[in-house]
Amino acid sequence: MNHSEQPSSPENRLAELNDEAIADLDKVMGTALGVAREQLESAGAFLPFGIALEKPGISAAENSGQDDDAATVGELRLLAVQPTEDPENPDADLDADAMMDDLVALMREQEDLYLAVALISDVTLLEEDRDAIHVNAEHRDGGAVGAVSAYTAPAEADAEWVFDEPQVDSAERLVWTD
């Protein structure tokens, strides 16, 4: 890239994050994968959602001191948005992309509350013709990481779901874009 060109997305400074920020990313990533797996196992599907790690003390202030640990450790929050319905076609499929856009907008509005966030969606791996959990996690200090965990639904009612090990790579920053 020539120096006069502007990057199309904010710089991913994952390599510059300290150990605490990496631990924050691990926490939202692990929670995101766990919640998605639980939803698949119990309901067979899930809608896009977010996980946010609050800054320390946010919950304590909101709870008027009810939780002493919240002052030193940020709380994890599950974030969700209502699917938009097409009034002209109420039976139409949900628009997962629109839901993800709404989640990003919600997280941007509340970005000052969070240390790290994750956006989670159910995707199809076209080359493998398989479904997968996709997680895009980012930290307010500049790093972003993505993970894809393919899964196989049970063929029989009493069989178990099979989840592949997540494949991790760098990701695009969507929430903290300044």
N, C-alpha and C. Protein backbone atom coordinates (compact mmCIF):
# COMPACT_ATOMS: atom_id res chain seq x y z
N MET A 1 0.85 -1.17 0.00
CA MET A 1 0.00 0.00 0.00
C MET A 1 0.89 1.23 0.00
N ASN A 2 0.57 2.17 -0.80
CA ASN A 2 1.36 3.39 -0.82
C ASN A 2 0.90 4.28 0.35
N HIS A 3 1.81 5.07 0.87
CA HIS A 3 1.55 5.81 2.12
C HIS A 3 0.45 6.84 2.00
N SER A 4 0.11 7.27 0.80
CA SER A 4 -0.96 8.26 0.65
C SER A 4 -2.34 7.62 0.72
N GLU A 5 -2.43 6.29 0.58
CA GLU A 5 -3.71 5.61 0.64
C GLU A 5 -4.13 5.41 2.09
N GLN A 6 -5.43 5.54 2.33
CA GLN A 6 -5.96 5.30 3.66
C GLN A 6 -6.42 3.86 3.76
N PRO A 7 -6.16 3.17 4.87
CA PRO A 7 -6.66 1.81 5.01
C PRO A 7 -8.19 1.81 5.01
N SER A 8 -8.78 0.73 4.54
CA SER A 8 -10.23 0.65 4.46
C SER A 8 -10.86 0.38 5.82
N SER A 9 -10.09 -0.11 6.77
CA SER A 9 -10.61 -0.35 8.11
C SER A 9 -9.55 0.04 9.13
N PRO A 10 -9.95 0.26 10.38
CA PRO A 10 -8.99 0.66 11.41
C PRO A 10 -7.90 -0.39 11.58
N GLU A 11 -6.73 0.08 11.94
CA GLU A 11 -5.59 -0.82 12.10
C GLU A 11 -5.83 -1.81 13.24
N ASN A 12 -5.53 -3.06 12.98
CA ASN A 12 -5.63 -4.11 13.99
C ASN A 12 -4.28 -4.21 14.68
N ARG A 13 -4.20 -3.74 15.92
CA ARG A 13 -2.94 -3.74 16.66
C ARG A 13 -2.90 -4.88 17.67
N LEU A 14 -3.32 -6.05 17.26
CA LEU A 14 -3.37 -7.22 18.14
C LEU A 14 -2.02 -7.51 18.77
N ALA A 15 -0.95 -7.42 17.99
CA ALA A 15 0.39 -7.74 18.49
C ALA A 15 0.86 -6.76 19.56
N GLU A 16 0.24 -5.58 19.64
CA GLU A 16 0.65 -4.57 20.61
C GLU A 16 -0.12 -4.65 21.93
N LEU A 17 -1.10 -5.53 22.02
CA LEU A 17 -1.90 -5.61 23.24
C LEU A 17 -1.12 -6.23 24.39
N ASN A 18 -1.37 -5.74 25.60
CA ASN A 18 -0.72 -6.31 26.78
C ASN A 18 -1.45 -7.59 27.20
N ASP A 19 -0.89 -8.29 28.18
CA ASP A 19 -1.45 -9.58 28.61
C ASP A 19 -2.88 -9.44 29.14
N GLU A 20 -3.17 -8.35 29.82
CA GLU A 20 -4.51 -8.14 30.36
C GLU A 20 -5.53 -7.98 29.23
N ALA A 21 -5.17 -7.24 28.20
CA ALA A 21 -6.08 -7.05 27.06
C ALA A 21 -6.29 -8.37 26.32
N ILE A 22 -5.22 -9.17 26.19
CA ILE A 22 -5.35 -10.49 25.55
C ILE A 22 -6.29 -11.37 26.38
N ALA A 23 -6.17 -11.29 27.71
CA ALA A 23 -7.06 -12.07 28.59
C ALA A 23 -8.51 -11.61 28.42
N ASP A 24 -8.72 -10.29 28.24
CA ASP A 24 -10.07 -9.78 27.99
C ASP A 24 -10.64 -10.36 26.70
N LEU A 25 -9.83 -10.39 25.64
CA LEU A 25 -10.28 -10.97 24.37
C LEU A 25 -10.59 -12.46 24.53
N ASP A 26 -9.71 -13.17 25.24
CA ASP A 26 -9.95 -14.60 25.48
C ASP A 26 -11.28 -14.82 26.21
N LYS A 27 -11.57 -13.93 27.18
CA LYS A 27 -12.79 -14.07 27.97
C LYS A 27 -14.04 -13.89 27.10
N VAL A 28 -14.06 -12.84 26.27
CA VAL A 28 -15.26 -12.64 25.43
C VAL A 28 -15.34 -13.70 24.34
N MET A 29 -14.20 -14.12 23.81
CA MET A 29 -14.19 -15.16 22.76
C MET A 29 -14.70 -16.49 23.33
N GLY A 30 -14.16 -16.90 24.46
CA GLY A 30 -14.57 -18.16 25.07
C GLY A 30 -16.04 -18.16 25.47
N THR A 31 -16.49 -17.05 26.05
CA THR A 31 -17.90 -16.94 26.43
C THR A 31 -18.79 -16.98 25.20
N ALA A 32 -18.39 -16.28 24.15
CA ALA A 32 -19.18 -16.25 22.91
C ALA A 32 -19.34 -17.65 22.33
N LEU A 33 -18.25 -18.38 22.22
CA LEU A 33 -18.31 -19.75 21.68
C LEU A 33 -19.17 -20.64 22.57
N GLY A 34 -19.02 -20.50 23.88
CA GLY A 34 -19.80 -21.32 24.81
C GLY A 34 -21.29 -21.05 24.72
N VAL A 35 -21.68 -19.78 24.66
CA VAL A 35 -23.10 -19.43 24.57
C VAL A 35 -23.68 -19.92 23.25
N ALA A 36 -22.95 -19.74 22.15
CA ALA A 36 -23.44 -20.21 20.85
C ALA A 36 -23.62 -21.72 20.85
N ARG A 37 -22.67 -22.45 21.41
CA ARG A 37 -22.79 -23.91 21.48
C ARG A 37 -23.99 -24.33 22.32
N GLU A 38 -24.18 -23.66 23.46
CA GLU A 38 -25.34 -23.98 24.31
C GLU A 38 -26.65 -23.74 23.57
N GLN A 39 -26.72 -22.64 22.82
CA GLN A 39 -27.93 -22.34 22.06
C GLN A 39 -28.19 -23.39 20.98
N LEU A 40 -27.13 -23.80 20.30
CA LEU A 40 -27.28 -24.84 19.28
C LEU A 40 -27.76 -26.15 19.90
N GLU A 41 -27.16 -26.53 21.02
CA GLU A 41 -27.52 -27.79 21.67
C GLU A 41 -28.94 -27.78 22.22
N SER A 42 -29.39 -26.63 22.71
CA SER A 42 -30.73 -26.58 23.31
C SER A 42 -31.83 -26.21 22.32
N ALA A 43 -31.52 -25.34 21.35
CA ALA A 43 -32.56 -24.86 20.44
C ALA A 43 -32.32 -25.25 18.98
N GLY A 44 -31.12 -25.71 18.67
CA GLY A 44 -30.81 -26.09 17.30
C GLY A 44 -30.41 -24.95 16.39
N ALA A 45 -30.41 -23.73 16.92
CA ALA A 45 -30.05 -22.54 16.13
C ALA A 45 -29.82 -21.39 17.09
N PHE A 46 -29.27 -20.30 16.56
CA PHE A 46 -29.18 -19.07 17.34
C PHE A 46 -29.18 -17.87 16.41
N LEU A 47 -29.69 -16.76 16.93
CA LEU A 47 -29.67 -15.50 16.21
C LEU A 47 -28.37 -14.78 16.55
N PRO A 48 -27.93 -13.86 15.70
CA PRO A 48 -26.72 -13.09 16.03
C PRO A 48 -26.87 -12.41 17.40
N PHE A 49 -25.76 -12.38 18.14
CA PHE A 49 -25.76 -11.73 19.45
C PHE A 49 -24.37 -11.20 19.73
N GLY A 50 -24.26 -10.47 20.82
CA GLY A 50 -22.97 -9.92 21.22
C GLY A 50 -22.67 -10.26 22.67
N ILE A 51 -21.38 -10.27 22.97
CA ILE A 51 -20.90 -10.40 24.35
C ILE A 51 -20.02 -9.18 24.60
N ALA A 52 -20.22 -8.53 25.73
CA ALA A 52 -19.42 -7.36 26.06
C ALA A 52 -18.85 -7.51 27.46
N LEU A 53 -17.57 -7.17 27.60
CA LEU A 53 -16.91 -7.14 28.90
C LEU A 53 -16.87 -5.69 29.35
N GLU A 54 -17.62 -5.41 30.42
CA GLU A 54 -17.68 -4.04 30.92
C GLU A 54 -16.36 -3.63 31.56
N LYS A 55 -16.13 -2.33 31.56
CA LYS A 55 -14.99 -1.80 32.30
C LYS A 55 -15.22 -2.08 33.78
N PRO A 56 -14.16 -2.30 34.55
CA PRO A 56 -14.32 -2.51 35.99
C PRO A 56 -15.05 -1.34 36.63
N GLY A 57 -15.97 -1.65 37.53
CA GLY A 57 -16.68 -0.62 38.26
C GLY A 57 -17.99 -0.18 37.63
N ILE A 58 -18.23 -0.49 36.36
CA ILE A 58 -19.47 -0.07 35.70
C ILE A 58 -20.67 -0.70 36.41
N SER A 59 -20.65 -2.01 36.60
CA SER A 59 -21.78 -2.69 37.24
C SER A 59 -21.92 -2.27 38.69
N ALA A 60 -20.82 -2.05 39.37
CA ALA A 60 -20.88 -1.64 40.77
C ALA A 60 -21.61 -0.30 40.90
N ALA A 61 -21.33 0.60 39.98
CA ALA A 61 -22.00 1.90 40.01
C ALA A 61 -23.49 1.74 39.73
N GLU A 62 -23.84 0.88 38.77
CA GLU A 62 -25.24 0.66 38.44
C GLU A 62 -25.97 -0.08 39.55
N ASN A 63 -25.28 -0.98 40.24
CA ASN A 63 -25.90 -1.80 41.28
C ASN A 63 -25.79 -1.18 42.66
N SER A 64 -25.32 0.05 42.75
CA SER A 64 -25.16 0.75 44.02
C SER A 64 -24.37 -0.05 45.03
N GLY A 65 -23.30 -0.67 44.59
CA GLY A 65 -22.42 -1.38 45.50
C GLY A 65 -22.88 -2.76 45.89
N GLN A 66 -23.86 -3.33 45.21
CA GLN A 66 -24.35 -4.65 45.57
C GLN A 66 -23.32 -5.74 45.32
N ASP A 67 -22.43 -5.54 44.37
CA ASP A 67 -21.45 -6.56 44.01
C ASP A 67 -20.05 -5.98 44.19
N ASP A 68 -19.40 -6.33 45.30
CA ASP A 68 -18.09 -5.78 45.60
C ASP A 68 -17.04 -6.14 44.57
N ASP A 69 -17.13 -7.33 43.95
CA ASP A 69 -16.14 -7.76 42.97
C ASP A 69 -16.23 -6.97 41.68
N ALA A 70 -17.37 -6.37 41.36
CA ALA A 70 -17.54 -5.65 40.10
C ALA A 70 -16.64 -4.42 40.03
N ALA A 71 -16.19 -3.93 41.18
CA ALA A 71 -15.31 -2.76 41.16
C ALA A 71 -13.94 -3.10 40.60
N THR A 72 -13.52 -4.35 40.68
CA THR A 72 -12.20 -4.74 40.19
C THR A 72 -12.25 -5.61 38.95
N VAL A 73 -13.37 -6.27 38.70
CA VAL A 73 -13.50 -7.15 37.55
C VAL A 73 -14.72 -6.74 36.76
N GLY A 74 -14.54 -6.53 35.46
CA GLY A 74 -15.68 -6.16 34.62
C GLY A 74 -16.64 -7.33 34.45
N GLU A 75 -17.91 -7.01 34.35
CA GLU A 75 -18.96 -8.01 34.15
C GLU A 75 -19.13 -8.31 32.67
N LEU A 76 -19.50 -9.53 32.36
CA LEU A 76 -19.84 -9.91 30.99
C LEU A 76 -21.33 -9.65 30.77
N ARG A 77 -21.66 -9.10 29.62
CA ARG A 77 -23.05 -8.82 29.27
C ARG A 77 -23.38 -9.48 27.94
N LEU A 78 -24.57 -10.04 27.85
CA LEU A 78 -25.10 -10.58 26.61
C LEU A 78 -25.91 -9.46 25.96
N LEU A 79 -25.63 -9.18 24.70
CA LEU A 79 -26.33 -8.13 23.97
C LEU A 79 -27.09 -8.74 22.80
N ALA A 80 -28.32 -8.33 22.63
CA ALA A 80 -29.13 -8.84 21.52
C ALA A 80 -29.99 -7.72 20.97
N VAL A 81 -30.41 -7.88 19.73
CA VAL A 81 -31.31 -6.93 19.09
C VAL A 81 -32.50 -7.70 18.53
N GLN A 82 -33.60 -7.00 18.38
CA GLN A 82 -34.80 -7.60 17.79
C GLN A 82 -34.59 -7.78 16.29
N PRO A 83 -34.97 -8.92 15.77
CA PRO A 83 -34.92 -9.06 14.31
C PRO A 83 -35.94 -8.11 13.68
N THR A 84 -35.56 -7.51 12.58
CA THR A 84 -36.50 -6.65 11.88
C THR A 84 -37.38 -7.51 10.99
N GLU A 85 -38.65 -7.19 10.97
CA GLU A 85 -39.58 -7.96 10.15
C GLU A 85 -40.03 -7.11 8.97
N ASP A 86 -40.20 -7.76 7.86
CA ASP A 86 -40.69 -7.11 6.66
C ASP A 86 -42.22 -7.11 6.73
N PRO A 87 -42.85 -5.94 6.91
CA PRO A 87 -44.31 -5.92 7.04
C PRO A 87 -45.03 -6.45 5.79
N GLU A 88 -44.36 -6.35 4.65
CA GLU A 88 -44.97 -6.85 3.41
C GLU A 88 -44.83 -8.36 3.28
N ASN A 89 -43.86 -8.94 4.02
CA ASN A 89 -43.64 -10.38 3.93
C ASN A 89 -43.25 -10.91 5.32
N PRO A 90 -44.22 -11.07 6.22
CA PRO A 90 -43.91 -11.48 7.60
C PRO A 90 -43.28 -12.86 7.71
N ASP A 91 -43.42 -13.69 6.68
CA ASP A 91 -42.83 -15.04 6.72
C ASP A 91 -41.42 -15.09 6.14
N ALA A 92 -40.89 -13.94 5.75
CA ALA A 92 -39.55 -13.90 5.15
C ALA A 92 -38.50 -14.31 6.18
N ASP A 93 -37.39 -14.83 5.68
CA ASP A 93 -36.29 -15.20 6.56
C ASP A 93 -35.77 -13.98 7.29
N LEU A 94 -35.24 -14.20 8.48
CA LEU A 94 -34.62 -13.11 9.24
C LEU A 94 -33.39 -12.62 8.49
N ASP A 95 -33.13 -11.33 8.59
CA ASP A 95 -31.97 -10.75 7.95
C ASP A 95 -30.84 -10.67 8.98
N ALA A 96 -29.99 -11.70 9.01
CA ALA A 96 -28.90 -11.77 10.00
C ALA A 96 -27.91 -10.64 9.79
N ASP A 97 -27.68 -10.23 8.54
CA ASP A 97 -26.76 -9.11 8.29
C ASP A 97 -27.28 -7.82 8.91
N ALA A 98 -28.57 -7.57 8.79
CA ALA A 98 -29.16 -6.38 9.39
C ALA A 98 -29.05 -6.45 10.91
N MET A 99 -29.25 -7.64 11.47
CA MET A 99 -29.12 -7.80 12.92
C MET A 99 -27.68 -7.52 13.37
N MET A 100 -26.70 -7.99 12.60
CA MET A 100 -25.30 -7.73 12.94
C MET A 100 -25.01 -6.23 12.86
N ASP A 101 -25.53 -5.56 11.84
CA ASP A 101 -25.36 -4.11 11.73
C ASP A 101 -25.95 -3.41 12.94
N ASP A 102 -27.13 -3.86 13.38
CA ASP A 102 -27.76 -3.27 14.57
C ASP A 102 -26.94 -3.53 15.83
N LEU A 103 -26.35 -4.72 15.95
CA LEU A 103 -25.49 -5.02 17.10
C LEU A 103 -24.25 -4.13 17.11
N VAL A 104 -23.63 -3.96 15.95
CA VAL A 104 -22.45 -3.09 15.85
C VAL A 104 -22.84 -1.67 16.26
N ALA A 105 -23.97 -1.18 15.77
CA ALA A 105 -24.43 0.17 16.12
C ALA A 105 -24.67 0.29 17.62
N LEU A 106 -25.30 -0.71 18.23
CA LEU A 106 -25.54 -0.71 19.67
C LEU A 106 -24.22 -0.67 20.44
N MET A 107 -23.27 -1.49 20.03
CA MET A 107 -21.98 -1.53 20.72
C MET A 107 -21.22 -0.22 20.55
N ARG A 108 -21.31 0.39 19.38
CA ARG A 108 -20.65 1.69 19.17
C ARG A 108 -21.25 2.76 20.08
N GLU A 109 -22.58 2.73 20.22
CA GLU A 109 -23.25 3.70 21.10
C GLU A 109 -22.79 3.55 22.55
N GLN A 110 -22.47 2.33 22.95
CA GLN A 110 -22.11 2.05 24.34
C GLN A 110 -20.62 1.74 24.52
N GLU A 111 -19.81 2.05 23.52
CA GLU A 111 -18.40 1.63 23.54
C GLU A 111 -17.63 2.11 24.76
N ASP A 112 -18.01 3.25 25.33
CA ASP A 112 -17.30 3.76 26.50
C ASP A 112 -17.48 2.88 27.73
N LEU A 113 -18.47 1.99 27.71
CA LEU A 113 -18.72 1.11 28.85
C LEU A 113 -17.87 -0.15 28.83
N TYR A 114 -17.28 -0.49 27.67
CA TYR A 114 -16.70 -1.81 27.47
C TYR A 114 -15.18 -1.81 27.28
N LEU A 115 -14.58 -2.92 27.72
CA LEU A 115 -13.16 -3.19 27.44
C LEU A 115 -13.00 -4.01 26.17
N ALA A 116 -13.89 -4.99 26.00
CA ALA A 116 -13.81 -5.89 24.86
C ALA A 116 -15.23 -6.34 24.50
N VAL A 117 -15.41 -6.65 23.23
CA VAL A 117 -16.71 -7.12 22.75
C VAL A 117 -16.50 -8.25 21.76
N ALA A 118 -17.55 -9.03 21.57
CA ALA A 118 -17.55 -10.08 20.54
C ALA A 118 -18.90 -10.06 19.84
N LEU A 119 -18.86 -10.22 18.53
CA LEU A 119 -20.06 -10.35 17.70
C LEU A 119 -20.12 -11.79 17.22
N ILE A 120 -21.26 -12.44 17.39
CA ILE A 120 -21.36 -13.87 17.11
C ILE A 120 -22.50 -14.11 16.12
N SER A 121 -22.21 -14.92 15.10
CA SER A 121 -23.24 -15.26 14.12
C SER A 121 -23.06 -16.70 13.65
N ASP A 122 -24.13 -17.22 13.09
CA ASP A 122 -24.14 -18.56 12.51
C ASP A 122 -23.90 -18.38 11.02
N VAL A 123 -22.86 -19.01 10.49
CA VAL A 123 -22.50 -18.84 9.08
C VAL A 123 -22.44 -20.19 8.38
N THR A 124 -22.42 -20.14 7.06
CA THR A 124 -22.24 -21.34 6.26
C THR A 124 -20.88 -21.27 5.59
N LEU A 125 -20.08 -22.31 5.76
CA LEU A 125 -18.78 -22.40 5.09
C LEU A 125 -19.04 -23.02 3.72
N LEU A 126 -19.06 -22.19 2.70
CA LEU A 126 -19.46 -22.64 1.36
C LEU A 126 -18.55 -23.73 0.81
N GLU A 127 -17.24 -23.58 1.01
CA GLU A 127 -16.30 -24.57 0.46
C GLU A 127 -16.48 -25.94 1.10
N GLU A 128 -16.89 -25.96 2.37
CA GLU A 128 -17.06 -27.22 3.09
C GLU A 128 -18.52 -27.66 3.16
N ASP A 129 -19.43 -26.77 2.75
CA ASP A 129 -20.87 -27.02 2.86
C ASP A 129 -21.25 -27.43 4.28
N ARG A 130 -20.76 -26.63 5.25
CA ARG A 130 -21.02 -26.88 6.67
C ARG A 130 -21.40 -25.57 7.34
N ASP A 131 -22.10 -25.68 8.43
CA ASP A 131 -22.42 -24.52 9.24
C ASP A 131 -21.31 -24.31 10.26
N ALA A 132 -21.18 -23.06 10.73
CA ALA A 132 -20.13 -22.75 11.70
C ALA A 132 -20.55 -21.56 12.56
N ILE A 133 -19.96 -21.51 13.74
CA ILE A 133 -20.08 -20.36 14.62
C ILE A 133 -18.96 -19.41 14.21
N HIS A 134 -19.31 -18.13 13.97
CA HIS A 134 -18.29 -17.12 13.65
C HIS A 134 -18.28 -16.09 14.77
N VAL A 135 -17.09 -15.81 15.30
CA VAL A 135 -16.93 -14.82 16.36
C VAL A 135 -15.92 -13.78 15.90
N ASN A 136 -16.28 -12.51 16.03
CA ASN A 136 -15.37 -11.40 15.78
C ASN A 136 -15.22 -10.67 17.11
N ALA A 137 -14.06 -10.78 17.74
CA ALA A 137 -13.83 -10.15 19.05
C ALA A 137 -12.83 -9.02 18.90
N GLU A 138 -13.07 -7.94 19.63
CA GLU A 138 -12.12 -6.83 19.58
C GLU A 138 -11.98 -6.15 20.93
N HIS A 139 -10.83 -5.53 21.11
CA HIS A 139 -10.52 -4.84 22.36
C HIS A 139 -10.44 -3.35 22.08
N ARG A 140 -10.84 -2.57 23.06
CA ARG A 140 -10.83 -1.12 22.89
C ARG A 140 -9.42 -0.58 22.65
N ASP A 141 -8.38 -1.32 23.06
CA ASP A 141 -7.00 -0.86 22.87
C ASP A 141 -6.47 -1.15 21.47
N GLY A 142 -7.28 -1.74 20.59
CA GLY A 142 -6.87 -1.83 19.20
C GLY A 142 -6.74 -3.19 18.58
N GLY A 143 -6.93 -4.27 19.28
CA GLY A 143 -6.77 -5.59 18.68
C GLY A 143 -8.10 -6.23 18.34
N ALA A 144 -8.07 -7.06 17.31
CA ALA A 144 -9.26 -7.82 16.92
C ALA A 144 -8.84 -9.20 16.48
N VAL A 145 -9.66 -10.18 16.83
CA VAL A 145 -9.39 -11.57 16.46
C VAL A 145 -10.70 -12.23 16.07
N GLY A 146 -10.62 -13.11 15.09
CA GLY A 146 -11.80 -13.84 14.64
C GLY A 146 -11.62 -15.32 14.85
N ALA A 147 -12.72 -16.02 14.99
CA ALA A 147 -12.68 -17.48 15.12
C ALA A 147 -13.88 -18.07 14.39
N VAL A 148 -13.64 -19.22 13.79
CA VAL A 148 -14.69 -19.97 13.12
C VAL A 148 -14.63 -21.40 13.65
N SER A 149 -15.76 -21.89 14.15
CA SER A 149 -15.85 -23.25 14.66
C SER A 149 -16.98 -23.96 13.93
N ALA A 150 -16.60 -24.82 12.99
CA ALA A 150 -17.60 -25.58 12.25
C ALA A 150 -18.27 -26.58 13.19
N TYR A 151 -19.51 -26.91 12.87
CA TYR A 151 -20.22 -27.87 13.71
C TYR A 151 -21.09 -28.78 12.85
N THR A 152 -21.45 -29.91 13.45
CA THR A 152 -22.34 -30.87 12.81
C THR A 152 -23.47 -31.18 13.77
N ALA A 153 -24.69 -30.98 13.30
CA ALA A 153 -25.86 -31.30 14.11
C ALA A 153 -26.01 -32.81 14.21
N PRO A 154 -26.59 -33.28 15.29
CA PRO A 154 -26.78 -34.73 15.43
C PRO A 154 -27.75 -35.27 14.38
N ALA A 155 -27.42 -36.43 13.84
CA ALA A 155 -28.29 -37.07 12.84
C ALA A 155 -29.50 -37.71 13.52
N GLU A 156 -29.33 -38.12 14.77
CA GLU A 156 -30.41 -38.76 15.53
C GLU A 156 -30.70 -37.93 16.77
N ALA A 157 -31.90 -38.04 17.28
CA ALA A 157 -32.34 -37.23 18.41
C ALA A 157 -31.46 -37.38 19.65
N ASP A 158 -30.94 -38.57 19.91
CA ASP A 158 -30.15 -38.78 21.12
C ASP A 158 -28.64 -38.64 20.89
N ALA A 159 -28.24 -38.28 19.68
CA ALA A 159 -26.81 -38.10 19.38
C ALA A 159 -26.36 -36.70 19.84
N GLU A 160 -25.04 -36.51 19.87
CA GLU A 160 -24.49 -35.24 20.33
C GLU A 160 -24.04 -34.37 19.17
N TRP A 161 -24.04 -33.07 19.41
CA TRP A 161 -23.49 -32.11 18.46
C TRP A 161 -21.98 -32.29 18.42
N VAL A 162 -21.38 -32.07 17.27
CA VAL A 162 -19.92 -32.13 17.13
C VAL A 162 -19.43 -30.74 16.74
N PHE A 163 -18.52 -30.20 17.56
CA PHE A 163 -17.95 -28.87 17.31
C PHE A 163 -16.46 -29.02 17.01
N ASP A 164 -16.03 -28.50 15.86
CA ASP A 164 -14.61 -28.51 15.53
C ASP A 164 -13.87 -27.49 16.39
N GLU A 165 -12.56 -27.70 16.54
CA GLU A 165 -11.74 -26.71 17.22
C GLU A 165 -11.82 -25.39 16.45
N PRO A 166 -11.94 -24.27 17.15
CA PRO A 166 -12.01 -22.99 16.45
C PRO A 166 -10.72 -22.70 15.66
N GLN A 167 -10.90 -22.19 14.46
CA GLN A 167 -9.79 -21.71 13.64
C GLN A 167 -9.71 -20.21 13.87
N VAL A 168 -8.57 -19.74 14.40
CA VAL A 168 -8.43 -18.35 14.82
C VAL A 168 -7.55 -17.59 13.84
N ASP A 169 -7.92 -16.33 13.58
CA ASP A 169 -7.16 -15.47 12.69
C ASP A 169 -7.40 -14.02 13.12
N SER A 170 -6.66 -13.09 12.53
CA SER A 170 -6.92 -11.69 12.83
C SER A 170 -8.28 -11.32 12.24
N ALA A 171 -8.84 -10.21 12.70
CA ALA A 171 -10.18 -9.82 12.26
C ALA A 171 -10.25 -8.31 12.07
N GLU A 172 -11.33 -7.89 11.49
CA GLU A 172 -11.58 -6.48 11.26
C GLU A 172 -12.16 -5.85 12.52
N ARG A 173 -11.72 -4.64 12.82
CA ARG A 173 -12.29 -3.90 13.93
C ARG A 173 -13.59 -3.24 13.45
N LEU A 174 -14.67 -3.49 14.17
CA LEU A 174 -15.98 -2.98 13.77
C LEU A 174 -16.56 -1.97 14.76
N VAL A 175 -16.20 -2.09 16.03
CA VAL A 175 -16.79 -1.24 17.06
C VAL A 175 -15.92 -0.01 17.32
N TRP A 176 -14.68 -0.22 17.67
CA TRP A 176 -13.77 0.90 17.93
C TRP A 176 -13.05 1.22 16.63
N THR A 177 -13.62 2.13 15.87
CA THR A 177 -13.09 2.40 14.53
C THR A 177 -12.33 3.72 14.44
N ASP A 178 -12.23 4.46 15.53
CA ASP A 178 -11.52 5.75 15.50
C ASP A 178 -10.03 5.54 15.67
